[in-house]
Protein backbone atom coordinates (compact mmCIF):
# COMPACT_ATOMS: atom_id res chain seq x y z
CA MET A 1 -76.25 -26.80 -150.41
CA THR A 2 -72.55 -27.55 -150.04
CA THR A 3 -72.91 -29.39 -146.96
CA VAL A 4 -75.89 -31.37 -148.35
CA LEU A 5 -73.62 -32.22 -151.48
CA LEU A 6 -70.84 -33.41 -149.34
CA ASP A 7 -73.14 -35.09 -147.09
CA HIS A 8 -74.33 -37.19 -150.04
CA GLU A 9 -70.85 -38.04 -151.28
CA ALA A 10 -70.11 -35.26 -153.75
CA ASP A 11 -66.33 -35.45 -154.47
CA PRO A 12 -64.96 -32.13 -153.42
CA ASN A 13 -61.82 -32.89 -155.51
CA ALA A 14 -63.68 -33.17 -158.43
CA LEU A 15 -62.19 -31.01 -161.32
CA ASP A 16 -64.21 -29.29 -164.03
CA GLN A 17 -63.20 -29.17 -167.66
CA GLU A 18 -60.67 -26.45 -166.94
CA ARG A 19 -59.13 -28.57 -164.28
CA ARG A 20 -60.47 -26.44 -161.50
CA SER A 21 -61.66 -27.50 -157.96
CA ALA A 22 -64.62 -26.63 -155.90
CA LEU A 23 -62.39 -25.07 -153.34
CA PHE A 24 -60.69 -22.88 -156.00
CA MET A 25 -63.93 -21.87 -157.77
CA ALA A 26 -65.18 -20.75 -154.14
CA LEU A 27 -62.31 -18.77 -153.70
CA LEU A 28 -62.28 -17.11 -157.20
CA ASN A 29 -65.91 -16.41 -157.06
CA HIS A 30 -65.79 -15.08 -153.30
CA HIS A 31 -67.82 -17.39 -151.63
CA PRO A 32 -65.74 -17.61 -148.54
CA GLN A 33 -68.79 -19.41 -146.47
CA VAL A 34 -68.39 -22.34 -148.95
CA ALA A 35 -64.62 -22.33 -148.94
CA ALA A 36 -64.48 -22.67 -145.41
CA ILE A 37 -66.82 -25.67 -145.51
CA LEU A 38 -64.88 -27.42 -147.97
CA VAL A 39 -61.67 -26.56 -145.96
CA GLN A 40 -63.15 -28.23 -142.77
CA ARG A 41 -64.00 -31.68 -144.67
CA ASP A 42 -61.40 -34.39 -144.31
CA GLN A 43 -61.82 -35.50 -148.07
CA THR A 44 -61.04 -32.17 -149.30
CA ASN A 45 -57.50 -32.46 -150.56
CA LEU A 46 -55.83 -29.16 -149.52
CA ARG A 47 -52.85 -29.82 -151.54
CA LEU A 48 -54.51 -30.11 -154.81
CA PRO A 49 -53.07 -27.76 -157.31
CA THR A 50 -55.11 -25.60 -159.50
CA GLN A 51 -53.50 -23.45 -162.47
CA GLY A 52 -50.20 -24.48 -160.66
CA ASN A 53 -50.87 -23.80 -157.07
CA PRO A 54 -52.55 -25.13 -153.99
CA PRO A 55 -55.56 -23.63 -152.13
CA LYS A 56 -53.67 -21.82 -149.52
CA HIS A 57 -51.85 -19.81 -152.25
CA TRP A 58 -55.22 -18.83 -153.53
CA ALA A 59 -56.66 -18.03 -150.29
CA GLN A 60 -54.00 -15.73 -149.71
CA GLN A 61 -53.95 -13.96 -152.99
CA MET A 62 -57.76 -13.03 -152.47
CA GLY A 63 -57.19 -11.97 -148.85
CA TYR A 64 -58.83 -14.59 -147.03
CA GLU A 65 -56.65 -15.18 -144.08
CA ASP A 66 -59.26 -16.94 -141.84
CA ILE A 67 -59.35 -19.60 -144.82
CA VAL A 68 -55.30 -19.59 -145.03
CA ARG A 69 -55.48 -20.38 -141.10
CA SER A 70 -57.97 -23.08 -141.54
CA ILE A 71 -55.85 -24.74 -144.38
CA ASP A 72 -52.74 -24.35 -142.32
CA GLU A 73 -54.43 -26.07 -139.18
CA ARG A 74 -55.74 -29.05 -141.01
CA LEU A 75 -52.36 -29.54 -142.51
CA ARG A 76 -50.56 -29.99 -139.32
């Protein structure tokens, strides 16, 4: 479903009423497959802070080292 929404121009950087991004919510709710899809999309802002920290911080905090590596690769 994530791929379909992004393919139809859903904004992966949109924030909810509490200023949380889709990537943050995917990590918070333990959906690493969704997070991985979001990280791989060029339009996803991987520096967009949520609750004061960028996505890499939250991926590290939640133990998703594969997501951390993917973020690092995209930010090079």
